[in-house]
Amino acid sequence: MNKPNITSVYSIQNPNGKKSFFYSTRQDTTQFNYYLLEEDEAAIPRIRRINHAIDLLQDHSKNIARINMDSEDYSLFITQLSQAIRPSIKSERFKEPLKVKKYIPPFPRNKKR
């Protein structure tokens, strides 16, 4: 299976003055996934999966612009994306393993001799 690739990135100017990034990934020729990368109140980047991308694009039709790979916005997007991905990788990597309970049969079985 191929790793998903980012196909296009859009910059969205929010009414509060912060920038959000809308991007799509492509798994294969048939499946596209859409995500919104935005900062929360504590200025921590968060990724949200978008199920109805057309509604989001229509709501922000005046404030959305496609960005190129050589622009400053794209480098900001990559920086925020790496900041959003890195904590999730760390939390998965350093979680303590769950304690496995030992199986105890419901009743003792007679051993055949």
PDB file of N, CA and C in Angstrom:
ATOM      1  N   MET A   1       0.838  -1.173   0.000  1.00  0.00           N
ATOM      2  CA  MET A   1       0.000   0.000   0.000  1.00  0.00           C
ATOM      3  C   MET A   1       0.889   1.245   0.000  1.00  0.00           C
ATOM      4  N   ASN A   2       0.509   2.221  -0.774  1.00  0.00           N
ATOM      5  CA  ASN A   2       1.276   3.457  -0.876  1.00  0.00           C
ATOM      6  C   ASN A   2       0.970   4.372   0.301  1.00  0.00           C
ATOM      7  N   LYS A   3       1.934   5.195   0.643  1.00  0.00           N
ATOM      8  CA  LYS A   3       1.710   6.204   1.672  1.00  0.00           C
ATOM      9  C   LYS A   3       0.938   7.358   1.045  1.00  0.00           C
ATOM     10  N   PRO A   4       0.073   8.030   1.815  1.00  0.00           N
ATOM     11  CA  PRO A   4      -0.676   9.140   1.240  1.00  0.00           C
ATOM     12  C   PRO A   4       0.234  10.316   0.915  1.00  0.00           C
ATOM     13  N   ASN A   5      -0.054  10.973  -0.178  1.00  0.00           N
ATOM     14  CA  ASN A   5       0.710  12.134  -0.627  1.00  0.00           C
ATOM     15  C   ASN A   5      -0.177  13.368  -0.586  1.00  0.00           C
ATOM     16  N   ILE A   6       0.399  14.496  -0.203  1.00  0.00           N
ATOM     17  CA  ILE A   6      -0.346  15.754  -0.209  1.00  0.00           C
ATOM     18  C   ILE A   6      -0.441  16.228  -1.648  1.00  0.00           C
ATOM     19  N   THR A   7      -1.661  16.455  -2.110  1.00  0.00           N
ATOM     20  CA  THR A   7      -1.854  16.839  -3.508  1.00  0.00           C
ATOM     21  C   THR A   7      -2.002  18.346  -3.677  1.00  0.00           C
ATOM     22  N   SER A   8      -2.735  18.995  -2.790  1.00  0.00           N
ATOM     23  CA  SER A   8      -2.906  20.442  -2.916  1.00  0.00           C
ATOM     24  C   SER A   8      -3.105  21.056  -1.536  1.00  0.00           C
ATOM     25  N   VAL A   9      -2.651  22.304  -1.407  1.00  0.00           N
ATOM     26  CA  VAL A   9      -2.741  23.025  -0.136  1.00  0.00           C
ATOM     27  C   VAL A   9      -3.372  24.386  -0.406  1.00  0.00           C
ATOM     28  N   TYR A  10      -4.328  24.755   0.443  1.00  0.00           N
ATOM     29  CA  TYR A  10      -4.998  26.045   0.331  1.00  0.00           C
ATOM     30  C   TYR A  10      -4.857  26.789   1.651  1.00  0.00           C
ATOM     31  N   SER A  11      -4.708  28.082   1.566  1.00  0.00           N
ATOM     32  CA  SER A  11      -4.635  28.935   2.744  1.00  0.00           C
ATOM     33  C   SER A  11      -5.993  29.586   2.950  1.00  0.00           C
ATOM     34  N   ILE A  12      -6.485  29.539   4.181  1.00  0.00           N
ATOM     35  CA  ILE A  12      -7.769  30.149   4.526  1.00  0.00           C
ATOM     36  C   ILE A  12      -7.510  31.229   5.564  1.00  0.00           C
ATOM     37  N   GLN A  13      -7.953  32.445   5.266  1.00  0.00           N
ATOM     38  CA  GLN A  13      -7.832  33.545   6.223  1.00  0.00           C
ATOM     39  C   GLN A  13      -9.101  33.580   7.062  1.00  0.00           C
ATOM     40  N   ASN A  14      -8.985  33.296   8.346  1.00  0.00           N
ATOM     41  CA  ASN A  14     -10.135  33.262   9.245  1.00  0.00           C
ATOM     42  C   ASN A  14     -10.522  34.669   9.678  1.00  0.00           C
ATOM     43  N   PRO A  15     -11.769  34.868  10.107  1.00  0.00           N
ATOM     44  CA  PRO A  15     -12.188  36.200  10.569  1.00  0.00           C
ATOM     45  C   PRO A  15     -11.396  36.706  11.775  1.00  0.00           C
ATOM     46  N   ASN A  16     -10.855  35.787  12.595  1.00  0.00           N
ATOM     47  CA  ASN A  16     -10.085  36.217  13.763  1.00  0.00           C
ATOM     48  C   ASN A  16      -8.651  36.596  13.411  1.00  0.00           C
ATOM     49  N   GLY A  17      -8.271  36.512  12.136  1.00  0.00           N
ATOM     50  CA  GLY A  17      -6.944  36.922  11.693  1.00  0.00           C
ATOM     51  C   GLY A  17      -5.935  35.797  11.577  1.00  0.00           C
ATOM     52  N   LYS A  18      -6.270  34.618  12.078  1.00  0.00           N
ATOM     53  CA  LYS A  18      -5.344  33.490  11.992  1.00  0.00           C
ATOM     54  C   LYS A  18      -5.512  32.770  10.665  1.00  0.00           C
ATOM     55  N   LYS A  19      -4.421  32.143  10.227  1.00  0.00           N
ATOM     56  CA  LYS A  19      -4.464  31.368   8.992  1.00  0.00           C
ATOM     57  C   LYS A  19      -4.706  29.902   9.304  1.00  0.00           C
ATOM     58  N   SER A  20      -5.530  29.286   8.481  1.00  0.00           N
ATOM     59  CA  SER A  20      -5.730  27.848   8.522  1.00  0.00           C
ATOM     60  C   SER A  20      -5.313  27.308   7.171  1.00  0.00           C
ATOM     61  N   PHE A  21      -5.006  26.033   7.133  1.00  0.00           N
ATOM     62  CA  PHE A  21      -4.612  25.404   5.883  1.00  0.00           C
ATOM     63  C   PHE A  21      -5.524  24.222   5.610  1.00  0.00           C
ATOM     64  N   PHE A  22      -6.064  24.200   4.419  1.00  0.00           N
ATOM     65  CA  PHE A  22      -6.905  23.109   3.952  1.00  0.00           C
ATOM     66  C   PHE A  22      -6.074  22.329   2.944  1.00  0.00           C
ATOM     67  N   TYR A  23      -5.927  21.018   3.158  1.00  0.00           N
ATOM     68  CA  TYR A  23      -5.119  20.236   2.225  1.00  0.00           C
ATOM     69  C   TYR A  23      -5.761  18.891   1.965  1.00  0.00           C
ATOM     70  N   SER A  24      -5.399  18.322   0.836  1.00  0.00           N
ATOM     71  CA  SER A  24      -5.939  17.018   0.462  1.00  0.00           C
ATOM     72  C   SER A  24      -4.795  16.035   0.294  1.00  0.00           C
ATOM     73  N   THR A  25      -5.070  14.799   0.650  1.00  0.00           N
ATOM     74  CA  THR A  25      -4.101  13.725   0.462  1.00  0.00           C
ATOM     75  C   THR A  25      -4.710  12.694  -0.463  1.00  0.00           C
ATOM     76  N   ARG A  26      -3.838  11.982  -1.132  1.00  0.00           N
ATOM     77  CA  ARG A  26      -4.300  10.994  -2.106  1.00  0.00           C
ATOM     78  C   ARG A  26      -3.636   9.664  -1.796  1.00  0.00           C
ATOM     79  N   GLN A  27      -4.446   8.665  -1.525  1.00  0.00           N
ATOM     80  CA  GLN A  27      -3.935   7.334  -1.216  1.00  0.00           C
ATOM     81  C   GLN A  27      -3.648   6.566  -2.502  1.00  0.00           C
ATOM     82  N   ASP A  28      -4.577   6.574  -3.415  1.00  0.00           N
ATOM     83  CA  ASP A  28      -4.407   5.930  -4.719  1.00  0.00           C
ATOM     84  C   ASP A  28      -5.231   6.738  -5.720  1.00  0.00           C
ATOM     85  N   THR A  29      -5.562   6.173  -6.832  1.00  0.00           N
ATOM     86  CA  THR A  29      -6.269   6.943  -7.861  1.00  0.00           C
ATOM     87  C   THR A  29      -7.733   7.182  -7.524  1.00  0.00           C
ATOM     88  N   THR A  30      -8.272   6.510  -6.525  1.00  0.00           N
ATOM     89  CA  THR A  30      -9.696   6.642  -6.246  1.00  0.00           C
ATOM     90  C   THR A  30     -10.015   7.355  -4.944  1.00  0.00           C
ATOM     91  N   GLN A  31      -9.101   7.406  -4.004  1.00  0.00           N
ATOM     92  CA  GLN A  31      -9.428   7.900  -2.674  1.00  0.00           C
ATOM     93  C   GLN A  31      -8.689   9.195  -2.352  1.00  0.00           C
ATOM     94  N   PHE A  32      -9.462  10.227  -2.050  1.00  0.00           N
ATOM     95  CA  PHE A  32      -8.923  11.498  -1.579  1.00  0.00           C
ATOM     96  C   PHE A  32      -9.436  11.740  -0.163  1.00  0.00           C
ATOM     97  N   ASN A  33      -8.588  12.277   0.694  1.00  0.00           N
ATOM     98  CA  ASN A  33      -8.981  12.667   2.044  1.00  0.00           C
ATOM     99  C   ASN A  33      -8.667  14.142   2.221  1.00  0.00           C
ATOM    100  N   TYR A  34      -9.530  14.839   2.950  1.00  0.00           N
ATOM    101  CA  TYR A  34      -9.385  16.278   3.135  1.00  0.00           C
ATOM    102  C   TYR A  34      -9.206  16.593   4.614  1.00  0.00           C
ATOM    103  N   TYR A  35      -8.277  17.519   4.901  1.00  0.00           N
ATOM    104  CA  TYR A  35      -7.955  17.866   6.279  1.00  0.00           C
ATOM    105  C   TYR A  35      -7.857  19.378   6.430  1.00  0.00           C
ATOM    106  N   LEU A  36      -8.106  19.839   7.638  1.00  0.00           N
ATOM    107  CA  LEU A  36      -7.967  21.248   7.978  1.00  0.00           C
ATOM    108  C   LEU A  36      -6.945  21.347   9.100  1.00  0.00           C
ATOM    109  N   LEU A  37      -5.899  22.105   8.860  1.00  0.00           N
ATOM    110  CA  LEU A  37      -4.847  22.336   9.849  1.00  0.00           C
ATOM    111  C   LEU A  37      -5.038  23.739  10.388  1.00  0.00           C
ATOM    112  N   GLU A  38      -5.353  23.847  11.668  1.00  0.00           N
ATOM    113  CA  GLU A  38      -5.588  25.158  12.265  1.00  0.00           C
ATOM    114  C   GLU A  38      -5.038  25.182  13.682  1.00  0.00           C
ATOM    115  N   GLU A  39      -4.806  26.385  14.178  1.00  0.00           N
ATOM    116  CA  GLU A  39      -4.305  26.551  15.540  1.00  0.00           C
ATOM    117  C   GLU A  39      -5.478  26.735  16.487  1.00  0.00           C
ATOM    118  N   ASP A  40      -5.373  26.133  17.675  1.00  0.00           N
ATOM    119  CA  ASP A  40      -6.403  26.343  18.684  1.00  0.00           C
ATOM    120  C   ASP A  40      -6.085  27.597  19.504  1.00  0.00           C
ATOM    121  N   GLU A  41      -6.793  27.800  20.611  1.00  0.00           N
ATOM    122  CA  GLU A  41      -6.613  29.012  21.410  1.00  0.00           C
ATOM    123  C   GLU A  41      -5.208  29.118  21.996  1.00  0.00           C
ATOM    124  N   ALA A  42      -4.579  27.984  22.246  1.00  0.00           N
ATOM    125  CA  ALA A  42      -3.236  27.988  22.835  1.00  0.00           C
ATOM    126  C   ALA A  42      -2.139  28.009  21.771  1.00  0.00           C
ATOM    127  N   ALA A  43      -2.494  28.289  20.534  1.00  0.00           N
ATOM    128  CA  ALA A  43      -1.562  28.362  19.398  1.00  0.00           C
ATOM    129  C   ALA A  43      -0.880  27.026  19.127  1.00  0.00           C
ATOM    130  N   ILE A  44      -1.592  25.934  19.383  1.00  0.00           N
ATOM    131  CA  ILE A  44      -1.082  24.598  19.079  1.00  0.00           C
ATOM    132  C   ILE A  44      -1.777  24.114  17.811  1.00  0.00           C
ATOM    133  N   PRO A  45      -1.019  23.737  16.780  1.00  0.00           N
ATOM    134  CA  PRO A  45      -1.650  23.274  15.543  1.00  0.00           C
ATOM    135  C   PRO A  45      -2.387  21.945  15.740  1.00  0.00           C
ATOM    136  N   ARG A  46      -3.583  21.863  15.183  1.00  0.00           N
ATOM    137  CA  ARG A  46      -4.404  20.659  15.258  1.00  0.00           C
ATOM    138  C   ARG A  46      -4.868  20.288  13.858  1.00  0.00           C
ATOM    139  N   ILE A  47      -4.977  18.993  13.620  1.00  0.00           N
ATOM    140  CA  ILE A  47      -5.451  18.497  12.326  1.00  0.00           C
ATOM    141  C   ILE A  47      -6.852  17.941  12.523  1.00  0.00           C
ATOM    142  N   ARG A  48      -7.753  18.338  11.621  1.00  0.00           N
ATOM    143  CA  ARG A  48      -9.121  17.854  11.661  1.00  0.00           C
ATOM    144  C   ARG A  48      -9.479  17.286  10.300  1.00  0.00           C
ATOM    145  N   ARG A  49     -10.051  16.100  10.276  1.00  0.00           N
ATOM    146  CA  ARG A  49     -10.478  15.516   9.005  1.00  0.00           C
ATOM    147  C   ARG A  49     -11.805  16.139   8.598  1.00  0.00           C
ATOM    148  N   ILE A  50     -11.918  16.473   7.323  1.00  0.00           N
ATOM    149  CA  ILE A  50     -13.115  17.114   6.793  1.00  0.00           C
ATOM    150  C   ILE A  50     -13.864  16.100   5.938  1.00  0.00           C
ATOM    151  N   ASN A  51     -15.115  15.847   6.297  1.00  0.00           N
ATOM    152  CA  ASN A  51     -15.916  14.900   5.525  1.00  0.00           C
ATOM    153  C   ASN A  51     -16.653  15.582   4.379  1.00  0.00           C
ATOM    154  N   HIS A  52     -17.088  16.816   4.585  1.00  0.00           N
ATOM    155  CA  HIS A  52     -17.819  17.543   3.548  1.00  0.00           C
ATOM    156  C   HIS A  52     -16.987  18.752   3.127  1.00  0.00           C
ATOM    157  N   ALA A  53     -16.018  18.506   2.261  1.00  0.00           N
ATOM    158  CA  ALA A  53     -15.082  19.557   1.862  1.00  0.00           C
ATOM    159  C   ALA A  53     -15.760  20.647   1.047  1.00  0.00           C
ATOM    160  N   ILE A  54     -16.779  20.306   0.286  1.00  0.00           N
ATOM    161  CA  ILE A  54     -17.450  21.300  -0.558  1.00  0.00           C
ATOM    162  C   ILE A  54     -18.112  22.366   0.311  1.00  0.00           C
ATOM    163  N   ASP A  55     -18.721  21.959   1.425  1.00  0.00           N
ATOM    164  CA  ASP A  55     -19.340  22.935   2.329  1.00  0.00           C
ATOM    165  C   ASP A  55     -18.305  23.898   2.890  1.00  0.00           C
ATOM    166  N   LEU A  56     -17.151  23.376   3.278  1.00  0.00           N
ATOM    167  CA  LEU A  56     -16.084  24.227   3.811  1.00  0.00           C
ATOM    168  C   LEU A  56     -15.588  25.200   2.751  1.00  0.00           C
ATOM    169  N   LEU A  57     -15.405  24.719   1.535  1.00  0.00           N
ATOM    170  CA  LEU A  57     -14.918  25.586   0.460  1.00  0.00           C
ATOM    171  C   LEU A  57     -15.936  26.660   0.103  1.00  0.00           C
ATOM    172  N   GLN A  58     -17.221  26.330   0.131  1.00  0.00           N
ATOM    173  CA  GLN A  58     -18.242  27.330  -0.167  1.00  0.00           C
ATOM    174  C   GLN A  58     -18.332  28.385   0.932  1.00  0.00           C
ATOM    175  N   ASP A  59     -18.159  27.963   2.183  1.00  0.00           N
ATOM    176  CA  ASP A  59     -18.211  28.923   3.288  1.00  0.00           C
ATOM    177  C   ASP A  59     -17.050  29.911   3.237  1.00  0.00           C
ATOM    178  N   HIS A  60     -15.884  29.457   2.796  1.00  0.00           N
ATOM    179  CA  HIS A  60     -14.680  30.298   2.773  1.00  0.00           C
ATOM    180  C   HIS A  60     -14.277  30.673   1.343  1.00  0.00           C
ATOM    181  N   SER A  61     -15.222  30.760   0.429  1.00  0.00           N
ATOM    182  CA  SER A  61     -14.878  30.987  -0.980  1.00  0.00           C
ATOM    183  C   SER A  61     -14.156  32.314  -1.206  1.00  0.00           C
ATOM    184  N   LYS A  62     -14.427  33.322  -0.397  1.00  0.00           N
ATOM    185  CA  LYS A  62     -13.780  34.622  -0.570  1.00  0.00           C
ATOM    186  C   LYS A  62     -12.399  34.669   0.079  1.00  0.00           C
ATOM    187  N   ASN A  63     -12.165  33.825   1.067  1.00  0.00           N
ATOM    188  CA  ASN A  63     -10.942  33.906   1.866  1.00  0.00           C
ATOM    189  C   ASN A  63      -9.974  32.757   1.606  1.00  0.00           C
ATOM    190  N   ILE A  64     -10.142  32.027   0.529  1.00  0.00           N
ATOM    191  CA  ILE A  64      -9.300  30.857   0.285  1.00  0.00           C
ATOM    192  C   ILE A  64      -8.426  31.104  -0.937  1.00  0.00           C
ATOM    193  N   ALA A  65      -7.182  30.642  -0.854  1.00  0.00           N
ATOM    194  CA  ALA A  65      -6.253  30.799  -1.972  1.00  0.00           C
ATOM    195  C   ALA A  65      -5.319  29.598  -2.000  1.00  0.00           C
ATOM    196  N   ARG A  66      -5.056  29.106  -3.188  1.00  0.00           N
ATOM    197  CA  ARG A  66      -4.126  27.986  -3.332  1.00  0.00           C
ATOM    198  C   ARG A  66      -2.699  28.499  -3.155  1.00  0.00           C
ATOM    199  N   ILE A  67      -1.868  27.716  -2.470  1.00  0.00           N
ATOM    200  CA  ILE A  67      -0.486  28.142  -2.258  1.00  0.00           C
ATOM    201  C   ILE A  67       0.461  27.192  -2.972  1.00  0.00           C
ATOM    202  N   ASN A  68       1.566  27.760  -3.432  1.00  0.00           N
ATOM    203  CA  ASN A  68       2.583  26.989  -4.151  1.00  0.00           C
ATOM    204  C   ASN A  68       3.644  26.491  -3.184  1.00  0.00           C
ATOM    205  N   MET A  69       4.425  25.518  -3.654  1.00  0.00           N
ATOM    206  CA  MET A  69       5.438  24.906  -2.801  1.00  0.00           C
ATOM    207  C   MET A  69       6.603  25.845  -2.492  1.00  0.00           C
ATOM    208  N   ASP A  70       6.815  26.858  -3.299  1.00  0.00           N
ATOM    209  CA  ASP A  70       7.953  27.751  -3.068  1.00  0.00           C
ATOM    210  C   ASP A  70       7.579  29.022  -2.299  1.00  0.00           C
ATOM    211  N   SER A  71       6.367  29.100  -1.777  1.00  0.00           N
ATOM    212  CA  SER A  71       5.943  30.305  -1.065  1.00  0.00           C
ATOM    213  C   SER A  71       6.225  30.188   0.434  1.00  0.00           C
ATOM    214  N   GLU A  72       6.146  31.329   1.112  1.00  0.00           N
ATOM    215  CA  GLU A  72       6.357  31.354   2.563  1.00  0.00           C
ATOM    216  C   GLU A  72       5.214  30.659   3.292  1.00  0.00           C
ATOM    217  N   ASP A  73       4.009  30.757   2.732  1.00  0.00           N
ATOM    218  CA  ASP A  73       2.864  30.092   3.357  1.00  0.00           C
ATOM    219  C   ASP A  73       3.040  28.582   3.381  1.00  0.00           C
ATOM    220  N   TYR A  74       3.666  28.037   2.341  1.00  0.00           N
ATOM    221  CA  TYR A  74       3.878  26.588   2.298  1.00  0.00           C
ATOM    222  C   TYR A  74       4.881  26.157   3.366  1.00  0.00           C
ATOM    223  N   SER A  75       5.914  26.945   3.584  1.00  0.00           N
ATOM    224  CA  SER A  75       6.871  26.598   4.643  1.00  0.00           C
ATOM    225  C   SER A  75       6.209  26.706   6.016  1.00  0.00           C
ATOM    226  N   LEU A  76       5.308  27.682   6.198  1.00  0.00           N
ATOM    227  CA  LEU A  76       4.545  27.778   7.439  1.00  0.00           C
ATOM    228  C   LEU A  76       3.631  26.565   7.601  1.00  0.00           C
ATOM    229  N   PHE A  77       3.018  26.132   6.503  1.00  0.00           N
ATOM    230  CA  PHE A  77       2.163  24.942   6.525  1.00  0.00           C
ATOM    231  C   PHE A  77       2.953  23.708   6.948  1.00  0.00           C
ATOM    232  N   ILE A  78       4.129  23.507   6.368  1.00  0.00           N
ATOM    233  CA  ILE A  78       4.961  22.344   6.700  1.00  0.00           C
ATOM    234  C   ILE A  78       5.393  22.397   8.166  1.00  0.00           C
ATOM    235  N   THR A  79       5.735  23.586   8.650  1.00  0.00           N
ATOM    236  CA  THR A  79       6.132  23.733  10.053  1.00  0.00           C
ATOM    237  C   THR A  79       4.987  23.369  10.986  1.00  0.00           C
ATOM    238  N   GLN A  80       3.796  23.901  10.712  1.00  0.00           N
ATOM    239  CA  GLN A  80       2.645  23.602  11.560  1.00  0.00           C
ATOM    240  C   GLN A  80       2.232  22.140  11.452  1.00  0.00           C
ATOM    241  N   LEU A  81       2.355  21.572  10.261  1.00  0.00           N
ATOM    242  CA  LEU A  81       2.001  20.162  10.080  1.00  0.00           C
ATOM    243  C   LEU A  81       2.933  19.267  10.887  1.00  0.00           C
ATOM    244  N   SER A  82       4.221  19.563  10.860  1.00  0.00           N
ATOM    245  CA  SER A  82       5.162  18.750  11.633  1.00  0.00           C
ATOM    246  C   SER A  82       4.936  18.928  13.131  1.00  0.00           C
ATOM    247  N   GLN A  83       4.544  20.123  13.570  1.00  0.00           N
ATOM    248  CA  GLN A  83       4.240  20.334  14.985  1.00  0.00           C
ATOM    249  C   GLN A  83       2.977  19.596  15.401  1.00  0.00           C
ATOM    250  N   ALA A  84       2.022  19.478  14.487  1.00  0.00           N
ATOM    251  CA  ALA A  84       0.775  18.780  14.808  1.00  0.00           C
ATOM    252  C   ALA A  84       0.964  17.272  14.813  1.00  0.00           C
ATOM    253  N   ILE A  85       1.826  16.771  13.938  1.00  0.00           N
ATOM    254  CA  ILE A  85       2.029  15.325  13.839  1.00  0.00           C
ATOM    255  C   ILE A  85       2.946  14.832  14.948  1.00  0.00           C
ATOM    256  N   ARG A  86       3.951  15.576  15.283  1.00  0.00           N
ATOM    257  CA  ARG A  86       4.970  15.125  16.236  1.00  0.00           C
ATOM    258  C   ARG A  86       4.406  14.732  17.604  1.00  0.00           C
ATOM    259  N   PRO A  87       3.504  15.499  18.238  1.00  0.00           N
ATOM    260  CA  PRO A  87       2.987  15.060  19.542  1.00  0.00           C
ATOM    261  C   PRO A  87       2.218  13.748  19.474  1.00  0.00           C
ATOM    262  N   SER A  88       1.493  13.518  18.385  1.00  0.00           N
ATOM    263  CA  SER A  88       0.739  12.269  18.295  1.00  0.00           C
ATOM    264  C   SER A  88       1.678  11.080  18.164  1.00  0.00           C
ATOM    265  N   ILE A  89       2.784  11.261  17.450  1.00  0.00           N
ATOM    266  CA  ILE A  89       3.754  10.169  17.326  1.00  0.00           C
ATOM    267  C   ILE A  89       4.400   9.896  18.679  1.00  0.00           C
ATOM    268  N   LYS A  90       4.760  10.949  19.391  1.00  0.00           N
ATOM    269  CA  LYS A  90       5.383  10.762  20.702  1.00  0.00           C
ATOM    270  C   LYS A  90       4.426  10.081  21.671  1.00  0.00           C
ATOM    271  N   SER A  91       3.176  10.493  21.677  1.00  0.00           N
ATOM    272  CA  SER A  91       2.242   9.906  22.631  1.00  0.00           C
ATOM    273  C   SER A  91       2.008   8.433  22.332  1.00  0.00           C
ATOM    274  N   GLU A  92       1.998   8.058  21.051  1.00  0.00           N
ATOM    275  CA  GLU A  92       1.830   6.648  20.722  1.00  0.00           C
ATOM    276  C   GLU A  92       3.091   5.861  21.045  1.00  0.00           C
ATOM    277  N   ARG A  93       4.232   6.458  20.831  1.00  0.00           N
ATOM    278  CA  ARG A  93       5.486   5.751  21.025  1.00  0.00           C
ATOM    279  C   ARG A  93       5.780   5.520  22.501  1.00  0.00           C
ATOM    280  N   PHE A  94       5.447   6.483  23.355  1.00  0.00           N
ATOM    281  CA  PHE A  94       5.840   6.406  24.753  1.00  0.00           C
ATOM    282  C   PHE A  94       4.713   5.992  25.693  1.00  0.00           C
ATOM    283  N   LYS A  95       3.613   5.530  25.156  1.00  0.00           N
ATOM    284  CA  LYS A  95       2.550   5.039  26.024  1.00  0.00           C
ATOM    285  C   LYS A  95       3.012   3.775  26.724  1.00  0.00           C
ATOM    286  N   GLU A  96       2.599   3.643  27.964  1.00  0.00           N
ATOM    287  CA  GLU A  96       2.930   2.415  28.670  1.00  0.00           C
ATOM    288  C   GLU A  96       2.071   1.288  28.119  1.00  0.00           C
ATOM    289  N   PRO A  97       2.646   0.111  27.999  1.00  0.00           N
ATOM    290  CA  PRO A  97       1.844  -1.001  27.494  1.00  0.00           C
ATOM    291  C   PRO A  97       0.737  -1.359  28.478  1.00  0.00           C
ATOM    292  N   LEU A  98      -0.369  -1.781  27.939  1.00  0.00           N
ATOM    293  CA  LEU A  98      -1.484  -2.179  28.785  1.00  0.00           C
ATOM    294  C   LEU A  98      -1.134  -3.455  29.529  1.00  0.00           C
ATOM    295  N   LYS A  99      -1.584  -3.541  30.754  1.00  0.00           N
ATOM    296  CA  LYS A  99      -1.329  -4.752  31.525  1.00  0.00           C
ATOM    297  C   LYS A  99      -2.261  -5.845  31.016  1.00  0.00           C
ATOM    298  N   VAL A 100      -1.675  -6.957  30.700  1.00  0.00           N
ATOM    299  CA  VAL A 100      -2.455  -8.070  30.174  1.00  0.00           C
ATOM    300  C   VAL A 100      -2.892  -8.934  31.347  1.00  0.00           C
ATOM    301  N   LYS A 101      -4.177  -9.167  31.391  1.00  0.00           N
ATOM    302  CA  LYS A 101      -4.683 -10.019  32.460  1.00  0.00           C
ATOM    303  C   LYS A 101      -4.454 -11.477  32.092  1.00  0.00           C
ATOM    304  N   LYS A 102      -4.080 -12.237  33.082  1.00  0.00           N
ATOM    305  CA  LYS A 102      -3.847 -13.656  32.861  1.00  0.00           C
ATOM    306  C   LYS A 102      -5.194 -14.365  32.789  1.00  0.00           C
ATOM    307  N   TYR A 103      -5.322 -15.252  31.836  1.00  0.00           N
ATOM    308  CA  TYR A 103      -6.573 -15.978  31.658  1.00  0.00           C
ATOM    309  C   TYR A 103      -6.733 -17.003  32.769  1.00  0.00           C
ATOM    310  N   ILE A 104      -7.854 -16.940  33.439  1.00  0.00           N
ATOM    311  CA  ILE A 104      -8.188 -17.925  34.464  1.00  0.00           C
ATOM    312  C   ILE A 104      -9.437 -18.643  33.992  1.00  0.00           C
ATOM    313  N   PRO A 105      -9.366 -19.960  33.832  1.00  0.00           N
ATOM    314  CA  PRO A 105     -10.553 -20.688  33.373  1.00  0.00           C
ATOM    315  C   PRO A 105     -11.671 -20.589  34.408  1.00  0.00           C
ATOM    316  N   PRO A 106     -12.910 -20.654  33.973  1.00  0.00           N
ATOM    317  CA  PRO A 106     -14.032 -20.477  34.892  1.00  0.00           C
ATOM    318  C   PRO A 106     -14.165 -21.601  35.922  1.00  0.00           C
ATOM    319  N   PHE A 107     -13.676 -22.758  35.631  1.00  0.00           N
ATOM    320  CA  PHE A 107     -13.737 -23.861  36.591  1.00  0.00           C
ATOM    321  C   PHE A 107     -12.500 -24.725  36.408  1.00  0.00           C
ATOM    322  N   PRO A 108     -12.064 -25.391  37.454  1.00  0.00           N
ATOM    323  CA  PRO A 108     -10.884 -26.245  37.296  1.00  0.00           C
ATOM    324  C   PRO A 108     -11.197 -27.469  36.450  1.00  0.00           C
ATOM    325  N   ARG A 109     -10.296 -27.787  35.606  1.00  0.00           N
ATOM    326  CA  ARG A 109     -10.485 -28.958  34.752  1.00  0.00           C
ATOM    327  C   ARG A 109      -9.766 -30.150  35.369  1.00  0.00           C
ATOM    328  N   ASN A 110     -10.354 -31.287  35.201  1.00  0.00           N
ATOM    329  CA  ASN A 110      -9.732 -32.509  35.706  1.00  0.00           C
ATOM    330  C   ASN A 110      -8.640 -32.941  34.746  1.00  0.00           C
ATOM    331  N   LYS A 111      -7.512 -33.228  35.309  1.00  0.00           N
ATOM    332  CA  LYS A 111      -6.413 -33.695  34.472  1.00  0.00           C
ATOM    333  C   LYS A 111      -6.545 -35.197  34.295  1.00  0.00           C
ATOM    334  N   LYS A 112      -6.405 -35.638  33.086  1.00  0.00           N
ATOM    335  CA  LYS A 112      -6.453 -37.070  32.813  1.00  0.00           C
ATOM    336  C   LYS A 112      -5.069 -37.648  33.009  1.00  0.00           C
ATOM    337  N   ARG A 113      -5.029 -38.788  33.708  1.00  0.00           N
ATOM    338  CA  ARG A 113      -3.740 -39.414  33.963  1.00  0.00           C
ATOM    339  C   ARG A 113      -3.621 -40.693  33.222  1.00  0.00           C
TER     340      ARG A 113
END
